[in-house]
Amino acid sequence: MAKRDRSVKEPTKKQTALNRRERELQRRVLLGVGITGALVVILLATGLLQQLVLIPNSPVASANGVKITTDRYQARVKYERALLVNQLAQYQQIQEQLDPGGTNNFFGSQIQQLEQQLSSPETLALSVLDNMIDETLIRQEAAKRGLSVDPADLHKEVQKNFGYEPDATPTPIMTPATITSTQVVTTSAGVTGTQVVSVTVTPAPTATPYTETEYQRVYKETLDNIKQSSGVTEAEFRALTESRLLRTKLQEAVTEDMSPTEEQIKARHILVSVADTATDDEKKAADEKIKAALARLKNGELFDAVAKEVSDDSTAANGGDLGWFGRGRMVAEFEDAAFKLEVGQFSDIVTSQFGYHIIMVTEKDPARALDESALGAKKDQAFEEFLTKLRDESTIERTWNTSKIPPTPIGG
């Protein structure tokens, strides 16, 4: 039997215990590192899950149980913002070409309006959310009424939006374009209506026809750019067009029984304006002025003559003539007084937010035919009232906050 090598010393009990404790410490350290690493991985995975799945799929709002998710909402905000930026650039370019001196109020007002919209990201974001809620409600209501958009009609509308109408007479790519602005106008009489301002821009002519091949190229490039810049997909882009068509169909259904006539009166008025900041002395002077005008009318002076001399309104030159108007066009105090008058009768002094009025009705028509523009405005108003009622009767939940607004890109 071989002899034991006495040159190798066996560890003492103390050394053995120390070695055992050192190995245990190493095991615990390795275990701790492993646990820490696992926790880091879990936290990273949770963060990614939160950023890539949970937050994008979390709702910003819901309408009757249909959710509007954060990712689709943010894509829409980016898309609408890009549209405004493009519109602003187009107006600025056209103004530079046609009105470099900035003397045309049309271009200036449009540019200012677009700049104001872009300067308030929160206002724009809330407007987009309201629109998406309305679109959801309109889809639901349209489905209840059996209204839908034929795929062929949707396809034609998309083509039309790109200026391609294969069934129409072939036209060049660049054609004269009319930019139209519809603005709400309120006069000092309290009359509210629309004023349409049109400017025709005629670019350089070209003989190149807008072929289907060209349409397909422009369509693809545009949709690719939209997807890259905002995240809005082709399906969502087409759904937006479908929503506009559905809105039109629903409005037609809601207003189909609306009468093309309405009760209207033709009237004149005298206005003595009173500013919100008027002093007591100024208010007293205005009061004395309108009372003096009323006294002259009671003494038999002609209404139009007194109006030309006294009235502060822009209608003074025409003897205070307001033309024909129906209900809902004037401020409430003015309307209530006017529609109670008989033909040829003038009112007592009527106070409104604009100052002091005296009103005289010159004609009445219980069923005056509306022109196309007036009937369209009446239907628009009726549909807005319908939408307001639809919103009130629906279950709408909003979980929106400012953290949902996508960041504004640099320079945009």
Protein backbone atom coordinates (compact mmCIF):
# COMPACT_ATOMS: atom_id res chain seq x y z
CA MET A 1 0.00 0.00 0.00
CA ALA A 2 1.34 3.43 -0.96
CA LYS A 3 2.47 5.70 1.77
CA ARG A 4 0.60 8.98 2.38
CA ASP A 5 2.44 12.08 1.26
CA ARG A 6 3.12 13.80 4.50
CA SER A 7 4.21 16.96 2.62
CA VAL A 8 0.53 17.80 1.96
CA LYS A 9 -1.05 19.06 5.12
CA GLU A 10 -4.70 18.40 5.75
CA PRO A 11 -6.80 21.55 6.48
CA THR A 12 -7.55 22.19 10.01
CA LYS A 13 -11.10 22.27 11.32
CA LYS A 14 -10.89 26.06 11.42
CA GLN A 15 -9.82 26.27 7.80
CA THR A 16 -12.55 23.85 6.79
CA ALA A 17 -15.16 25.99 8.50
CA LEU A 18 -13.82 29.15 6.87
CA ASN A 19 -13.87 27.52 3.44
CA ARG A 20 -17.42 26.36 4.00
CA ARG A 21 -18.54 29.89 5.01
CA GLU A 22 -16.76 31.41 1.97
CA ARG A 23 -18.49 29.00 -0.41
CA GLU A 24 -21.84 29.78 1.20
CA LEU A 25 -21.18 33.52 0.86
CA GLN A 26 -20.30 33.09 -2.83
CA ARG A 27 -23.45 31.05 -3.36
CA ARG A 28 -25.56 33.76 -1.77
CA VAL A 29 -23.85 36.48 -3.80
CA LEU A 30 -24.46 34.58 -7.02
CA LEU A 31 -28.04 33.92 -5.99
CA GLY A 32 -28.54 37.62 -5.23
CA VAL A 33 -27.06 38.64 -8.56
CA GLY A 34 -29.32 36.17 -10.31
CA ILE A 35 -32.39 37.43 -8.51
CA THR A 36 -31.43 41.06 -9.22
CA GLY A 37 -30.87 40.25 -12.87
CA ALA A 38 -34.20 38.52 -13.06
CA LEU A 39 -35.91 41.51 -11.44
CA VAL A 40 -34.24 43.85 -13.95
CA VAL A 41 -35.41 41.69 -16.83
CA ILE A 42 -38.92 41.60 -15.37
CA LEU A 43 -38.93 45.37 -14.91
CA LEU A 44 -37.67 45.96 -18.44
CA ALA A 45 -40.23 43.53 -19.83
CA THR A 46 -42.96 45.22 -17.79
CA GLY A 47 -41.86 48.64 -19.05
CA LEU A 48 -41.85 47.43 -22.64
CA LEU A 49 -45.22 45.82 -22.13
CA GLN A 50 -46.52 49.08 -20.69
CA GLN A 51 -45.08 51.22 -23.49
CA LEU A 52 -45.75 48.92 -26.42
CA VAL A 53 -48.99 47.20 -25.45
CA LEU A 54 -50.83 48.52 -22.42
CA ILE A 55 -50.57 52.28 -23.02
CA PRO A 56 -51.29 52.16 -26.78
CA ASN A 57 -54.31 49.94 -26.21
CA SER A 58 -55.61 51.94 -23.26
CA PRO A 59 -58.70 54.01 -24.11
CA VAL A 60 -58.82 57.80 -24.27
CA ALA A 61 -62.59 57.60 -24.47
CA SER A 62 -65.47 55.26 -25.17
CA ALA A 63 -68.88 55.82 -26.74
CA ASN A 64 -71.59 53.36 -25.78
CA GLY A 65 -68.91 50.79 -24.98
CA VAL A 66 -66.84 51.28 -28.16
CA LYS A 67 -63.30 52.24 -27.16
CA ILE A 68 -61.07 54.81 -28.83
CA THR A 69 -57.54 53.61 -28.10
CA THR A 70 -54.57 55.86 -27.39
CA ASP A 71 -52.46 54.73 -30.34
CA ARG A 72 -55.23 55.34 -32.91
CA TYR A 73 -56.11 58.64 -31.28
CA GLN A 74 -52.50 59.83 -31.34
CA ALA A 75 -52.14 58.82 -34.98
CA ARG A 76 -55.25 60.85 -35.80
CA VAL A 77 -53.96 63.90 -33.95
CA LYS A 78 -50.70 63.71 -35.91
CA TYR A 79 -52.65 63.36 -39.15
CA GLU A 80 -54.93 66.33 -38.46
CA ARG A 81 -51.94 68.42 -37.41
CA ALA A 82 -50.15 67.54 -40.66
CA LEU A 83 -53.22 68.57 -42.65
CA LEU A 84 -53.22 71.97 -40.96
CA VAL A 85 -49.49 72.41 -41.60
CA ASN A 86 -49.99 71.58 -45.28
CA GLN A 87 -52.95 73.94 -45.58
CA LEU A 88 -50.95 76.72 -43.96
CA ALA A 89 -48.05 76.17 -46.36
CA GLN A 90 -50.42 76.23 -49.35
CA TYR A 91 -52.09 79.48 -48.29
CA GLN A 92 -48.71 81.09 -47.61
CA GLN A 93 -47.45 80.00 -51.02
CA ILE A 94 -50.55 81.28 -52.81
CA GLN A 95 -50.42 84.55 -50.88
CA GLU A 96 -46.78 84.99 -51.85
CA GLN A 97 -47.68 84.48 -55.52
CA LEU A 98 -50.94 86.44 -55.73
CA ASP A 99 -50.85 88.87 -52.83
CA PRO A 100 -47.23 89.51 -51.81
CA GLY A 101 -48.21 92.77 -50.15
CA GLY A 102 -50.69 91.03 -47.86
CA THR A 103 -53.56 93.35 -48.82
CA ASN A 104 -56.14 90.58 -49.37
CA ASN A 105 -57.95 89.95 -46.09
CA PHE A 106 -59.03 86.49 -47.23
CA PHE A 107 -55.51 85.06 -47.24
CA GLY A 108 -54.53 86.86 -44.05
CA SER A 109 -57.56 85.62 -42.11
CA GLN A 110 -57.09 82.03 -43.28
CA ILE A 111 -53.40 82.02 -42.41
CA GLN A 112 -54.08 83.56 -39.00
CA GLN A 113 -56.80 81.00 -38.25
CA LEU A 114 -54.53 78.08 -39.16
CA GLU A 115 -51.65 79.50 -37.13
CA GLN A 116 -53.93 79.84 -34.10
CA GLN A 117 -55.06 76.22 -34.42
CA LEU A 118 -51.48 74.99 -34.64
CA SER A 119 -50.35 77.14 -31.71
CA SER A 120 -52.67 75.33 -29.30
CA PRO A 121 -51.87 71.59 -29.29
CA GLU A 122 -54.31 70.91 -26.46
CA THR A 123 -57.23 72.57 -28.24
CA LEU A 124 -56.45 70.65 -31.42
CA ALA A 125 -56.12 67.37 -29.51
CA LEU A 126 -59.48 67.85 -27.78
CA SER A 127 -61.13 68.76 -31.08
CA VAL A 128 -59.83 65.53 -32.63
CA LEU A 129 -61.18 63.53 -29.69
CA ASP A 130 -64.61 65.17 -30.03
CA ASN A 131 -64.63 64.35 -33.75
CA MET A 132 -63.69 60.72 -33.14
CA ILE A 133 -66.47 60.38 -30.55
CA ASP A 134 -68.97 61.92 -32.98
CA GLU A 135 -67.84 59.57 -35.76
CA THR A 136 -68.39 56.60 -33.46
CA LEU A 137 -71.87 57.80 -32.51
CA ILE A 138 -72.77 58.49 -36.15
CA ARG A 139 -71.68 54.98 -37.16
CA GLN A 140 -73.80 53.49 -34.40
CA GLU A 141 -76.85 55.58 -35.28
CA ALA A 142 -76.42 54.88 -39.01
CA ALA A 143 -76.31 51.14 -38.27
CA LYS A 144 -79.55 51.40 -36.26
CA ARG A 145 -81.24 53.08 -39.23
CA GLY A 146 -79.85 50.60 -41.75
CA LEU A 147 -77.66 53.20 -43.41
CA SER A 148 -74.37 52.19 -44.97
CA VAL A 149 -71.89 53.27 -47.64
CA ASP A 150 -71.63 51.16 -50.76
CA PRO A 151 -67.98 50.09 -51.36
CA ALA A 152 -68.22 51.36 -54.94
CA ASP A 153 -69.36 54.80 -53.72
CA LEU A 154 -66.52 54.87 -51.20
CA HIS A 155 -64.01 54.00 -53.94
CA LYS A 156 -65.34 56.79 -56.17
CA GLU A 157 -65.22 59.28 -53.31
CA VAL A 158 -61.59 58.42 -52.55
CA GLN A 159 -60.74 58.88 -56.21
CA LYS A 160 -62.60 62.18 -56.25
CA ASN A 161 -60.64 63.38 -53.21
CA PHE A 162 -57.49 62.86 -55.25
CA GLY A 163 -58.97 64.71 -58.23
CA TYR A 164 -59.42 61.56 -60.28
CA GLU A 165 -62.88 61.01 -61.78
CA PRO A 166 -62.61 58.43 -64.57
CA ASP A 167 -66.30 58.74 -65.49
CA ALA A 168 -66.03 62.51 -65.93
CA THR A 169 -64.57 64.48 -68.82
CA PRO A 170 -60.75 64.09 -68.76
CA THR A 171 -59.03 67.09 -67.25
CA PRO A 172 -55.42 68.15 -66.86
CA ILE A 173 -53.66 67.50 -63.56
CA MET A 174 -53.36 71.21 -62.81
CA THR A 175 -56.72 72.96 -63.02
CA PRO A 176 -58.02 76.28 -61.72
CA ALA A 177 -58.77 75.85 -58.03
CA THR A 178 -61.26 77.87 -56.03
CA ILE A 179 -60.50 78.28 -52.35
CA THR A 180 -63.69 79.04 -50.46
CA SER A 181 -64.00 80.26 -46.90
CA THR A 182 -67.33 80.19 -45.06
CA GLN A 183 -67.29 82.49 -42.07
CA VAL A 184 -69.92 83.15 -39.42
CA VAL A 185 -70.90 86.81 -39.40
CA THR A 186 -72.75 88.58 -36.59
CA THR A 187 -73.93 92.13 -37.16
CA SER A 188 -74.68 94.63 -34.45
CA ALA A 189 -78.34 93.76 -34.90
CA GLY A 190 -77.53 90.30 -33.70
CA VAL A 191 -77.98 88.75 -37.14
CA THR A 192 -75.95 85.59 -37.56
CA GLY A 193 -75.30 84.09 -40.95
CA THR A 194 -72.59 82.89 -43.28
CA GLN A 195 -70.41 84.86 -45.61
CA VAL A 196 -68.70 82.95 -48.42
CA VAL A 197 -65.46 84.36 -49.77
CA SER A 198 -63.97 82.74 -52.86
CA VAL A 199 -60.62 83.21 -54.50
CA THR A 200 -59.77 81.46 -57.78
CA VAL A 201 -56.19 80.38 -58.31
CA THR A 202 -55.23 79.47 -61.87
CA PRO A 203 -51.90 77.63 -62.11
CA ALA A 204 -49.90 77.25 -65.27
CA PRO A 205 -51.77 75.01 -67.76
CA THR A 206 -50.51 71.55 -68.61
CA ALA A 207 -51.62 69.08 -71.24
CA THR A 208 -50.79 66.02 -69.16
CA PRO A 209 -54.00 64.04 -68.47
CA TYR A 210 -54.60 62.62 -65.00
CA THR A 211 -54.53 58.93 -65.87
CA GLU A 212 -55.34 55.99 -63.62
CA THR A 213 -51.65 55.14 -63.50
CA GLU A 214 -50.86 58.65 -62.28
CA TYR A 215 -53.70 58.45 -59.76
CA GLN A 216 -52.39 55.15 -58.39
CA ARG A 217 -48.90 56.62 -58.07
CA VAL A 218 -50.12 59.73 -56.24
CA TYR A 219 -52.46 57.65 -54.06
CA LYS A 220 -49.68 55.28 -52.98
CA GLU A 221 -47.16 58.05 -52.34
CA THR A 222 -49.69 60.03 -50.31
CA LEU A 223 -50.78 57.06 -48.21
CA ASP A 224 -47.14 56.05 -47.62
CA ASN A 225 -46.34 59.58 -46.44
CA ILE A 226 -49.39 59.65 -44.17
CA LYS A 227 -48.48 56.29 -42.64
CA GLN A 228 -44.87 57.35 -42.08
CA SER A 229 -45.64 60.77 -40.62
CA SER A 230 -48.67 59.97 -38.49
CA GLY A 231 -49.24 56.24 -38.29
CA VAL A 232 -52.65 56.50 -39.93
CA THR A 233 -53.14 53.38 -42.07
CA GLU A 234 -54.77 53.13 -45.47
CA ALA A 235 -57.77 51.44 -43.85
CA GLU A 236 -58.14 54.33 -41.40
CA PHE A 237 -57.76 56.87 -44.20
CA ARG A 238 -60.57 55.22 -46.13
CA ALA A 239 -62.63 54.92 -42.94
CA LEU A 240 -62.38 58.71 -42.54
CA THR A 241 -63.85 59.15 -46.02
CA GLU A 242 -66.54 56.61 -45.18
CA SER A 243 -67.36 58.54 -41.98
CA ARG A 244 -67.93 61.72 -43.98
CA LEU A 245 -70.26 59.88 -46.37
CA LEU A 246 -72.12 58.29 -43.46
CA ARG A 247 -72.53 61.69 -41.83
CA THR A 248 -74.06 63.04 -45.04
CA LYS A 249 -76.43 60.07 -45.31
CA LEU A 250 -77.49 60.40 -41.68
CA GLN A 251 -78.06 64.16 -42.04
CA GLU A 252 -80.21 63.55 -45.12
CA ALA A 253 -82.26 60.99 -43.19
CA VAL A 254 -82.67 63.26 -40.17
CA THR A 255 -83.70 66.32 -42.20
CA GLU A 256 -85.62 64.69 -45.06
CA ASP A 257 -88.98 65.93 -43.73
CA MET A 258 -87.78 69.47 -43.12
CA SER A 259 -89.96 72.08 -44.76
CA PRO A 260 -88.33 74.17 -47.52
CA THR A 261 -90.26 77.17 -46.21
CA GLU A 262 -90.38 79.04 -42.92
CA GLU A 263 -92.04 82.00 -41.26
CA GLN A 264 -90.04 85.13 -42.01
CA ILE A 265 -90.39 88.85 -41.52
CA LYS A 266 -88.81 91.83 -43.22
CA ALA A 267 -87.79 94.59 -40.85
CA ARG A 268 -85.86 97.78 -40.26
CA HIS A 269 -84.16 98.86 -37.06
CA ILE A 270 -82.45 101.75 -35.37
CA LEU A 271 -79.47 100.92 -33.16
CA VAL A 272 -77.80 103.12 -30.59
CA SER A 273 -74.80 101.06 -29.61
CA VAL A 274 -73.54 100.74 -26.05
CA ALA A 275 -70.09 99.26 -25.48
CA ASP A 276 -69.43 96.80 -22.67
CA THR A 277 -66.93 99.28 -21.26
CA ALA A 278 -69.29 102.27 -21.51
CA THR A 279 -69.29 104.67 -18.57
CA ASP A 280 -72.48 105.74 -16.79
CA ASP A 281 -72.40 109.04 -18.67
CA GLU A 282 -72.08 107.23 -22.02
CA LYS A 283 -74.96 104.91 -21.13
CA LYS A 284 -77.08 107.90 -20.15
CA ALA A 285 -76.27 109.65 -23.43
CA ALA A 286 -77.22 106.52 -25.42
CA ASP A 287 -80.46 106.20 -23.48
CA GLU A 288 -81.39 109.80 -24.22
CA LYS A 289 -80.51 109.36 -27.91
CA ILE A 290 -82.73 106.29 -28.43
CA LYS A 291 -85.60 107.89 -26.50
CA ALA A 292 -85.36 110.98 -28.69
CA ALA A 293 -85.49 108.75 -31.81
CA LEU A 294 -88.57 106.96 -30.48
CA ALA A 295 -90.27 110.30 -29.82
CA ARG A 296 -89.61 111.41 -33.40
CA LEU A 297 -91.22 108.20 -34.73
CA LYS A 298 -94.25 108.70 -32.51
CA ASN A 299 -94.52 112.21 -33.90
CA GLY A 300 -94.87 110.76 -37.39
CA GLU A 301 -91.39 111.00 -38.88
CA LEU A 302 -90.47 108.29 -41.40
CA PHE A 303 -88.63 105.34 -39.90
CA ASP A 304 -85.99 105.11 -42.63
CA ALA A 305 -85.20 108.83 -42.34
CA VAL A 306 -84.67 108.62 -38.59
CA ALA A 307 -82.59 105.44 -39.01
CA LYS A 308 -80.29 107.11 -41.54
CA GLU A 309 -79.69 109.99 -39.16
CA VAL A 310 -79.52 108.21 -35.79
CA SER A 311 -78.60 104.52 -36.18
CA ASP A 312 -75.07 103.34 -35.40
CA ASP A 313 -75.54 100.13 -37.39
CA SER A 314 -74.06 99.48 -40.83
CA THR A 315 -77.63 99.29 -42.18
CA ALA A 316 -78.20 102.99 -41.44
CA ALA A 317 -77.42 104.02 -45.03
CA ASN A 318 -80.31 101.80 -46.18
CA GLY A 319 -82.71 103.19 -43.62
CA GLY A 320 -81.99 100.36 -41.20
CA ASP A 321 -83.24 97.70 -43.65
CA LEU A 322 -82.38 94.18 -42.41
CA GLY A 323 -84.10 92.33 -45.22
CA TRP A 324 -85.92 89.05 -44.66
CA PHE A 325 -85.00 86.77 -41.77
CA GLY A 326 -86.45 83.83 -39.87
CA ARG A 327 -86.25 82.71 -36.29
CA GLY A 328 -82.84 81.88 -34.90
CA ARG A 329 -81.05 84.59 -36.88
CA MET A 330 -81.20 87.36 -34.28
CA VAL A 331 -80.30 87.60 -30.62
CA ALA A 332 -83.22 86.46 -28.47
CA GLU A 333 -84.34 89.90 -27.22
CA PHE A 334 -84.43 91.30 -30.77
CA GLU A 335 -86.20 88.26 -32.24
CA ASP A 336 -88.88 88.09 -29.54
CA ALA A 337 -89.79 91.73 -30.03
CA ALA A 338 -89.67 91.64 -33.83
CA PHE A 339 -91.91 88.61 -34.36
CA LYS A 340 -94.61 90.06 -32.08
CA LEU A 341 -95.00 93.17 -34.24
CA GLU A 342 -97.63 93.65 -36.94
CA VAL A 343 -96.75 94.99 -40.37
CA GLY A 344 -96.17 98.73 -40.17
CA GLN A 345 -95.81 98.69 -36.39
CA PHE A 346 -92.64 99.73 -34.59
CA SER A 347 -91.51 98.53 -31.18
CA ASP A 348 -90.69 100.23 -27.96
CA ILE A 349 -87.01 100.37 -26.98
CA VAL A 350 -85.41 96.89 -27.00
CA THR A 351 -82.19 96.28 -25.08
CA SER A 352 -79.65 93.69 -26.26
CA GLN A 353 -75.94 93.03 -25.88
CA PHE A 354 -75.35 95.50 -28.72
CA GLY A 355 -77.22 98.43 -27.21
CA TYR A 356 -80.69 99.91 -27.73
CA HIS A 357 -82.93 99.06 -30.71
CA ILE A 358 -86.19 100.23 -32.20
CA ILE A 359 -87.64 97.70 -34.67
CA MET A 360 -90.23 98.12 -37.41
CA VAL A 361 -91.74 95.21 -39.38
CA THR A 362 -92.46 96.05 -43.03
CA GLU A 363 -93.58 92.64 -44.37
CA LYS A 364 -94.51 89.16 -43.11
CA ASP A 365 -94.61 85.78 -44.82
CA PRO A 366 -95.74 82.69 -42.88
CA ALA A 367 -94.20 80.30 -45.44
CA ARG A 368 -91.43 82.03 -47.32
CA ALA A 369 -89.44 79.72 -49.60
CA LEU A 370 -85.83 79.25 -48.57
CA ASP A 371 -83.08 79.47 -51.13
CA GLU A 372 -80.63 76.58 -51.40
CA SER A 373 -78.07 78.21 -49.13
CA ALA A 374 -80.59 79.09 -46.42
CA LEU A 375 -82.18 75.64 -46.54
CA GLY A 376 -78.74 74.03 -46.28
CA ALA A 377 -77.87 76.18 -43.27
CA LYS A 378 -81.20 75.26 -41.64
CA LYS A 379 -80.52 71.55 -42.18
CA ASP A 380 -76.99 71.92 -40.81
CA GLN A 381 -78.36 73.56 -37.68
CA ALA A 382 -81.02 70.86 -37.27
CA PHE A 383 -78.42 68.12 -37.62
CA GLU A 384 -76.16 69.76 -35.04
CA GLU A 385 -79.10 69.85 -32.64
CA PHE A 386 -79.69 66.16 -33.40
CA LEU A 387 -76.04 65.36 -32.64
CA THR A 388 -76.21 67.28 -29.37
CA LYS A 389 -79.22 65.21 -28.33
CA LEU A 390 -77.47 62.02 -29.47
CA ARG A 391 -74.44 62.83 -27.32
CA ASP A 392 -76.65 63.57 -24.31
CA GLU A 393 -78.46 60.25 -24.68
CA SER A 394 -75.25 58.23 -25.14
CA THR A 395 -72.83 56.85 -22.56
CA ILE A 396 -69.60 58.68 -23.22
CA GLU A 397 -66.61 58.11 -20.95
CA ARG A 398 -63.44 60.17 -21.30
CA THR A 399 -60.12 59.11 -19.79
CA TRP A 400 -58.18 61.70 -21.78
CA ASN A 401 -55.46 63.82 -20.20
CA THR A 402 -52.64 65.94 -21.59
CA SER A 403 -50.19 63.01 -21.45
CA LYS A 404 -52.18 61.50 -24.32
CA ILE A 405 -51.23 64.34 -26.68
CA PRO A 406 -48.46 63.21 -29.04
CA PRO A 407 -45.38 65.47 -29.03
CA THR A 408 -45.33 68.23 -31.59
CA PRO A 409 -42.55 67.61 -34.14
CA ILE A 410 -39.78 70.19 -34.37
CA GLY A 411 -40.77 72.84 -36.87
CA GLY A 412 -44.36 71.64 -36.88
